[in-house]
Amino acid sequence: MAQLVKLQDYISRYQIDLARYPTQFVRLKQSQWERVKRQWELGEEISEWQHNDGGSENDSFEEKERFSLFKKIFAGRQREEIEDIEEVEITNELVSDEDSIPEEETTLTFEPKIVYAPQSIHELKRMFIDQFFHFQMKWASSTLREKSYVDPRFMRDPLLRNLLQKLPDNYLLFYYPILQIRKAPIELDVVLMSPTECICITVLEAENQAVYVGGSERFWIKKVGTKDSKVLNPMISLNRMESVLTQLFKQDNINMPIRKVILSQNGYFDYPGSPYGIQFVDRRNYGEWMEHLRKVSSPMKHMQIRASQTILSNVQTTSFNRDIWQQSSQPAGD
């Protein structure tokens, strides 16, 4: 599973120690997967999902309701969705047996539970990964002392879920991060940091089967059936993103190639010719593109960490201090 390093302007524990948390994330995922797998193999009866993140009773109730609904939805899934889990490995590429993670106080732990009886190891993996996705959203938006409010739409974002669940641990993901450049906020699109390159992704997704007719003009044409409309040329945002990152990398002597991608999971591109340095990924070749990314087996690189740290050093953050809520819950007086 790829690691969500920064989500918009939410607080990120990776900002505190980027050298430490990627390893801790993988170790946590690996140990909990081994535990839940062992429980399933032994046939232990476990009735409910437990997830401790220092939240309220209402949060706990919502978690139970969500996974009760998940259980019902899963029962009706098509077989091909279950088979797809064979390609989603619980890997541990970043750490060796000799690595150790320092003990630290934390308010966020992941304790997966078998909420129903999976009939195969593939169903078990899917349940685990879906649960881990919810944990990962909290992991990526909180620290020991701070927390950010996560927009619920990210929980339903299919691209975010696909990138996190289908790419290996050695990818670091920045999802629409907001940077502070010369005191001005600049929102980027999707930045995917692999061990060997920085991939800038601008996404065009609206109605299914939409066709985007592109060119060098400021606006492209979006065709849905017999209806045409205009959309802003995605190359404008993509080129700006490349320019910002190139400038930041140059300042910190980062030697990391930047690749540009225009992406649509559910639509098609119609672009005459091939613009230099830009890859089009649409419904026809999305699966092939993802598989190519999955095959990058290199461990995390020093330059990858440095490039990611450079971005994190320039991000904007909006959060609240957990102590405020702890103090407000204490009774008045001595």
Protein backbone atom coordinates (compact mmCIF):
# COMPACT_ATOMS: atom_id res chain seq x y z
CA MET A 1 0.00 0.00 0.00
CA ALA A 2 1.33 3.42 -0.96
CA GLN A 3 1.80 5.92 1.86
CA LEU A 4 -0.31 9.06 2.07
CA VAL A 5 2.27 11.63 3.09
CA LYS A 6 0.21 14.81 2.68
CA LEU A 7 -3.48 15.36 2.07
CA GLN A 8 -4.39 18.94 1.13
CA ASP A 9 -3.43 21.20 4.07
CA TYR A 10 -4.03 18.60 6.78
CA ILE A 11 -1.44 18.00 9.47
CA SER A 12 0.91 15.12 8.65
CA ARG A 13 3.11 13.10 10.98
CA TYR A 14 5.51 12.70 8.04
CA GLN A 15 6.31 16.40 8.44
CA ILE A 16 7.75 15.57 11.87
CA ASP A 17 10.07 12.75 10.84
CA LEU A 18 10.00 11.54 7.25
CA ALA A 19 12.90 9.17 7.89
CA ARG A 20 11.01 7.34 10.63
CA TYR A 21 7.32 7.13 9.82
CA PRO A 22 7.47 5.27 6.48
CA THR A 23 9.17 2.36 8.24
CA GLN A 24 6.77 2.55 11.18
CA PHE A 25 3.79 2.54 8.84
CA VAL A 26 4.95 -0.60 7.06
CA ARG A 27 5.85 -2.39 10.28
CA LEU A 28 2.44 -1.61 11.77
CA LYS A 29 0.61 -2.81 8.68
CA GLN A 30 2.66 -6.00 8.49
CA SER A 31 2.29 -6.95 12.15
CA GLN A 32 -1.46 -6.37 12.20
CA TRP A 33 -1.96 -8.31 8.98
CA GLU A 34 -0.10 -11.27 10.47
CA ARG A 35 -2.27 -11.06 13.58
CA VAL A 36 -5.61 -10.93 11.79
CA LYS A 37 -4.50 -13.65 9.38
CA ARG A 38 -3.57 -15.88 12.32
CA GLN A 39 -6.93 -15.22 14.01
CA TRP A 40 -8.75 -16.14 10.83
CA GLU A 41 -6.71 -19.31 10.30
CA LEU A 42 -7.40 -20.41 13.88
CA GLY A 43 -11.12 -19.76 13.40
CA GLU A 44 -11.42 -17.34 16.31
CA GLU A 45 -14.86 -15.79 16.75
CA ILE A 46 -14.52 -12.00 16.79
CA SER A 47 -17.74 -10.03 16.70
CA GLU A 48 -16.82 -6.42 16.23
CA TRP A 49 -14.32 -3.94 14.85
CA GLN A 50 -12.16 -2.13 17.40
CA HIS A 51 -10.27 0.99 16.47
CA ASN A 52 -8.65 3.22 19.08
CA ASP A 53 -7.83 6.72 17.93
CA GLY A 54 -8.81 8.73 20.97
CA GLY A 55 -12.17 9.55 19.38
CA SER A 56 -15.57 9.94 20.99
CA GLU A 57 -18.26 7.36 21.58
CA ASN A 58 -20.06 8.72 18.54
CA ASP A 59 -16.95 8.03 16.44
CA SER A 60 -16.94 4.45 17.70
CA PHE A 61 -20.61 4.04 16.82
CA GLU A 62 -20.03 5.43 13.34
CA GLU A 63 -17.16 3.00 12.81
CA LYS A 64 -19.37 0.05 13.74
CA GLU A 65 -22.17 1.29 11.50
CA ARG A 66 -19.78 1.76 8.59
CA PHE A 67 -18.39 -1.74 8.82
CA SER A 68 -21.85 -3.23 9.31
CA LEU A 69 -22.76 -1.59 6.01
CA PHE A 70 -19.47 -2.77 4.51
CA LYS A 71 -20.37 -6.34 5.43
CA LYS A 72 -23.69 -6.10 3.57
CA ILE A 73 -22.13 -4.49 0.51
CA PHE A 74 -19.34 -7.03 0.35
CA ALA A 75 -21.80 -9.93 0.22
CA GLY A 76 -23.04 -8.68 -3.14
CA ARG A 77 -19.68 -8.03 -4.79
CA GLN A 78 -18.92 -9.58 -8.12
CA ARG A 79 -16.37 -12.39 -8.27
CA GLU A 80 -13.93 -10.39 -10.39
CA GLU A 81 -13.60 -7.81 -7.61
CA ILE A 82 -12.63 -10.56 -5.19
CA GLU A 83 -10.16 -12.05 -7.66
CA ASP A 84 -8.53 -8.65 -8.08
CA ILE A 85 -7.31 -8.85 -4.49
CA GLU A 86 -4.82 -11.51 -5.58
CA GLU A 87 -2.77 -8.65 -6.97
CA VAL A 88 -2.91 -6.62 -3.75
CA GLU A 89 -0.05 -7.88 -1.64
CA ILE A 90 0.55 -7.18 2.02
CA THR A 91 4.19 -6.36 1.51
CA ASN A 92 7.00 -5.20 3.73
CA GLU A 93 9.49 -3.79 1.24
CA LEU A 94 10.89 -1.03 3.40
CA VAL A 95 12.14 -2.81 6.48
CA SER A 96 14.28 -5.82 7.28
CA ASP A 97 14.09 -8.14 10.25
CA GLU A 98 16.93 -6.25 11.92
CA ASP A 99 15.11 -2.91 11.78
CA SER A 100 13.46 -1.66 14.92
CA ILE A 101 10.99 1.09 15.58
CA PRO A 102 11.57 3.28 18.63
CA GLU A 103 8.90 3.17 21.28
CA GLU A 104 6.73 6.27 21.29
CA GLU A 105 3.58 7.47 22.91
CA THR A 106 0.75 7.55 20.41
CA THR A 107 -2.96 8.26 20.33
CA LEU A 108 -3.54 6.23 17.18
CA THR A 109 -3.34 2.46 16.89
CA PHE A 110 -4.69 0.06 14.30
CA GLU A 111 -6.44 -3.01 15.62
CA PRO A 112 -8.20 -4.83 12.76
CA LYS A 113 -10.91 -7.29 13.64
CA ILE A 114 -12.69 -9.92 11.58
CA VAL A 115 -16.17 -8.42 11.33
CA TYR A 116 -17.62 -11.41 9.50
CA ALA A 117 -16.36 -14.79 8.30
CA PRO A 118 -14.34 -14.40 5.08
CA GLN A 119 -14.52 -17.53 2.95
CA SER A 120 -11.00 -17.18 1.53
CA ILE A 121 -7.69 -15.48 2.17
CA HIS A 122 -8.52 -13.11 -0.68
CA GLU A 123 -11.70 -11.94 1.05
CA LEU A 124 -9.73 -11.53 4.26
CA LYS A 125 -7.16 -9.36 2.48
CA ARG A 126 -9.87 -7.18 1.01
CA MET A 127 -11.50 -6.69 4.39
CA PHE A 128 -8.15 -5.87 5.98
CA ILE A 129 -7.11 -3.42 3.27
CA ASP A 130 -10.45 -1.61 3.33
CA GLN A 131 -10.21 -1.25 7.10
CA PHE A 132 -6.62 -0.13 6.82
CA PHE A 133 -7.63 2.57 4.33
CA HIS A 134 -9.81 4.23 6.99
CA PHE A 135 -6.98 3.99 9.49
CA GLN A 136 -4.55 5.42 6.94
CA MET A 137 -6.72 8.52 6.48
CA LYS A 138 -6.46 9.21 10.21
CA TRP A 139 -2.77 8.32 10.25
CA ALA A 140 -2.19 10.89 7.48
CA SER A 141 -4.13 13.71 9.17
CA SER A 142 -3.00 13.60 12.80
CA THR A 143 0.00 13.64 15.12
CA LEU A 144 0.37 13.04 18.83
CA ARG A 145 -0.69 16.62 19.59
CA GLU A 146 -2.54 17.83 16.50
CA LYS A 147 -5.38 16.74 14.28
CA SER A 148 -7.12 17.96 11.13
CA TYR A 149 -10.71 17.59 10.01
CA VAL A 150 -10.85 15.29 6.98
CA ASP A 151 -13.45 16.05 4.33
CA PRO A 152 -15.66 12.91 4.05
CA ARG A 153 -15.40 13.03 0.26
CA PHE A 154 -11.85 11.68 0.50
CA MET A 155 -13.21 8.49 2.05
CA ARG A 156 -15.22 7.99 -1.13
CA ASP A 157 -12.53 9.09 -3.59
CA PRO A 158 -11.94 6.14 -5.96
CA LEU A 159 -8.61 7.42 -7.31
CA LEU A 160 -7.20 8.02 -3.82
CA ARG A 161 -8.29 4.56 -2.74
CA ASN A 162 -6.84 2.91 -5.84
CA LEU A 163 -3.47 4.62 -5.56
CA LEU A 164 -3.13 3.79 -1.88
CA GLN A 165 -4.38 0.21 -2.06
CA LYS A 166 -2.82 -0.97 -5.30
CA LEU A 167 0.62 0.61 -5.25
CA PRO A 168 3.42 -0.80 -3.06
CA ASP A 169 4.81 0.67 0.15
CA ASN A 170 7.74 2.38 -1.58
CA TYR A 171 5.49 5.08 -3.11
CA LEU A 172 4.84 8.34 -1.25
CA LEU A 173 1.65 10.17 -2.21
CA PHE A 174 0.88 13.89 -1.98
CA TYR A 175 -2.84 14.32 -2.74
CA TYR A 176 -3.70 17.89 -3.73
CA PRO A 177 -1.18 19.38 -1.29
CA ILE A 178 -1.30 23.12 -0.61
CA LEU A 179 2.12 24.77 -0.65
CA GLN A 180 3.23 28.17 0.61
CA ILE A 181 5.39 29.78 -2.06
CA ARG A 182 6.48 33.36 -1.35
CA LYS A 183 3.67 33.60 1.24
CA ALA A 184 1.06 32.66 -1.36
CA PRO A 185 -0.88 29.37 -1.16
CA ILE A 186 -0.59 27.17 -4.25
CA GLU A 187 -2.64 23.99 -4.54
CA LEU A 188 -1.00 21.27 -6.58
CA ASP A 189 -2.74 18.26 -8.05
CA VAL A 190 -1.50 14.73 -7.38
CA VAL A 191 2.21 14.15 -6.76
CA LEU A 192 3.39 10.55 -6.65
CA MET A 193 6.96 10.06 -5.49
CA SER A 194 8.48 6.76 -6.59
CA PRO A 195 12.00 5.66 -5.66
CA THR A 196 13.31 6.91 -9.01
CA GLU A 197 11.04 9.75 -10.21
CA CYS A 198 8.46 12.34 -9.27
CA ILE A 199 5.18 11.83 -11.15
CA CYS A 200 2.92 14.88 -11.49
CA ILE A 201 -0.69 13.90 -12.24
CA THR A 202 -3.56 16.13 -13.34
CA VAL A 203 -6.91 14.36 -13.21
CA LEU A 204 -9.90 14.81 -15.51
CA GLU A 205 -12.89 12.84 -14.27
CA ALA A 206 -16.56 13.65 -14.61
CA GLU A 207 -19.20 11.54 -16.35
CA ASN A 208 -18.36 8.00 -17.39
CA GLN A 209 -17.39 7.58 -21.04
CA ALA A 210 -16.60 11.30 -21.42
CA VAL A 211 -14.25 12.12 -24.30
CA TYR A 212 -11.81 15.00 -23.87
CA VAL A 213 -10.74 16.56 -27.15
CA GLY A 214 -7.49 18.39 -26.52
CA GLY A 215 -5.23 20.89 -28.19
CA SER A 216 -3.00 23.85 -27.46
CA GLU A 217 -5.90 26.22 -26.75
CA ARG A 218 -6.86 27.37 -23.24
CA PHE A 219 -9.95 25.15 -23.21
CA TRP A 220 -10.57 21.57 -24.25
CA ILE A 221 -13.91 20.13 -25.38
CA LYS A 222 -15.60 17.51 -23.22
CA LYS A 223 -18.04 15.32 -25.15
CA VAL A 224 -20.65 13.29 -23.29
CA GLY A 225 -23.06 11.69 -25.74
CA THR A 226 -24.33 14.53 -27.93
CA LYS A 227 -23.53 17.24 -25.38
CA ASP A 228 -20.35 19.33 -25.62
CA SER A 229 -18.88 21.57 -22.93
CA LYS A 230 -15.59 23.31 -22.18
CA VAL A 231 -13.00 22.33 -19.59
CA LEU A 232 -9.80 24.16 -18.74
CA ASN A 233 -6.76 22.76 -20.52
CA PRO A 234 -5.20 20.43 -17.90
CA MET A 235 -1.72 21.15 -19.25
CA ILE A 236 -1.89 24.58 -17.63
CA SER A 237 -2.15 23.09 -14.14
CA LEU A 238 0.30 20.31 -14.97
CA ASN A 239 2.98 22.66 -16.27
CA ARG A 240 2.56 24.95 -13.28
CA MET A 241 3.00 22.00 -10.94
CA GLU A 242 6.16 20.95 -12.77
CA SER A 243 7.50 24.50 -12.58
CA VAL A 244 6.90 24.79 -8.82
CA LEU A 245 8.52 21.45 -8.03
CA THR A 246 11.45 22.08 -10.36
CA GLN A 247 12.13 25.34 -8.54
CA LEU A 248 11.95 23.71 -5.10
CA PHE A 249 14.17 20.80 -6.13
CA LYS A 250 16.74 23.15 -7.63
CA GLN A 251 16.94 25.19 -4.43
CA ASP A 252 17.73 22.07 -2.40
CA ASN A 253 19.99 20.44 -5.00
CA ILE A 254 17.52 17.61 -5.56
CA ASN A 255 18.24 15.49 -8.62
CA MET A 256 14.86 13.86 -9.25
CA PRO A 257 13.35 13.55 -12.74
CA ILE A 258 9.76 14.82 -13.09
CA ARG A 259 7.27 13.00 -15.30
CA LYS A 260 3.91 14.49 -16.26
CA VAL A 261 0.66 12.54 -16.60
CA ILE A 262 -2.88 13.56 -17.55
CA LEU A 263 -5.24 10.94 -16.12
CA SER A 264 -8.86 9.90 -16.54
CA GLN A 265 -9.98 6.58 -15.05
CA ASN A 266 -13.44 6.70 -16.58
CA GLY A 267 -12.98 8.76 -19.75
CA TYR A 268 -11.00 8.97 -22.98
CA PHE A 269 -8.55 11.42 -24.53
CA ASP A 270 -8.60 12.51 -28.14
CA TYR A 271 -5.46 14.54 -28.68
CA PRO A 272 -3.94 15.00 -32.14
CA GLY A 273 -0.24 14.26 -32.04
CA SER A 274 1.82 13.58 -28.93
CA PRO A 275 2.81 16.58 -26.78
CA TYR A 276 6.40 16.34 -25.63
CA GLY A 277 6.93 15.02 -22.12
CA ILE A 278 3.26 14.32 -21.27
CA GLN A 279 1.71 10.86 -20.91
CA PHE A 280 -2.03 10.39 -21.42
CA VAL A 281 -3.62 7.71 -19.25
CA ASP A 282 -7.32 7.01 -19.80
CA ARG A 283 -9.77 4.15 -19.51
CA ARG A 284 -8.04 2.22 -22.29
CA ASN A 285 -4.59 2.02 -20.68
CA TYR A 286 -5.23 2.80 -16.99
CA GLY A 287 -4.79 -0.83 -15.91
CA GLU A 288 -1.54 -1.17 -17.86
CA TRP A 289 -0.24 2.08 -16.37
CA MET A 290 -1.02 0.97 -12.82
CA GLU A 291 0.60 -2.40 -13.41
CA HIS A 292 3.75 -0.66 -14.65
CA LEU A 293 3.88 1.40 -11.45
CA ARG A 294 3.32 -1.70 -9.32
CA LYS A 295 6.35 -3.39 -10.84
CA VAL A 296 8.74 -0.78 -9.42
CA SER A 297 10.34 -3.04 -6.82
CA SER A 298 13.20 -0.76 -5.82
CA PRO A 299 13.39 0.09 -2.10
CA MET A 300 12.96 3.69 -1.07
CA LYS A 301 15.86 5.90 -2.10
CA HIS A 302 17.67 8.69 -0.28
CA MET A 303 16.87 11.17 -3.08
CA GLN A 304 13.20 10.18 -2.93
CA ILE A 305 13.11 11.03 0.78
CA ARG A 306 14.96 14.30 0.21
CA ALA A 307 12.60 15.34 -2.58
CA SER A 308 9.56 14.52 -0.44
CA GLN A 309 11.04 16.42 2.50
CA THR A 310 11.55 19.46 0.28
CA ILE A 311 7.84 19.47 -0.56
CA LEU A 312 6.86 18.95 3.09
CA SER A 313 9.07 21.87 4.12
CA ASN A 314 6.91 24.19 2.01
CA VAL A 315 3.40 22.94 2.74
CA GLN A 316 0.56 24.82 4.39
CA THR A 317 -1.04 23.16 7.41
CA THR A 318 -4.42 23.68 9.08
CA SER A 319 -5.02 21.76 12.30
CA PHE A 320 -6.16 22.04 15.90
CA ASN A 321 -4.36 21.09 19.09
CA ARG A 322 -5.75 18.03 20.86
CA ASP A 323 -5.02 19.69 24.23
CA ILE A 324 -7.74 22.26 23.58
CA TRP A 325 -10.38 19.52 23.61
CA GLN A 326 -8.82 17.76 26.57
CA GLN A 327 -8.86 20.97 28.59
CA SER A 328 -12.42 21.82 27.60
CA SER A 329 -13.61 18.41 28.80
CA GLN A 330 -12.15 18.92 32.30
CA PRO A 331 -14.48 20.18 35.05
CA ALA A 332 -14.14 23.82 36.05
CA GLY A 333 -12.45 24.77 39.32
CA ASP A 334 -9.75 23.03 41.32
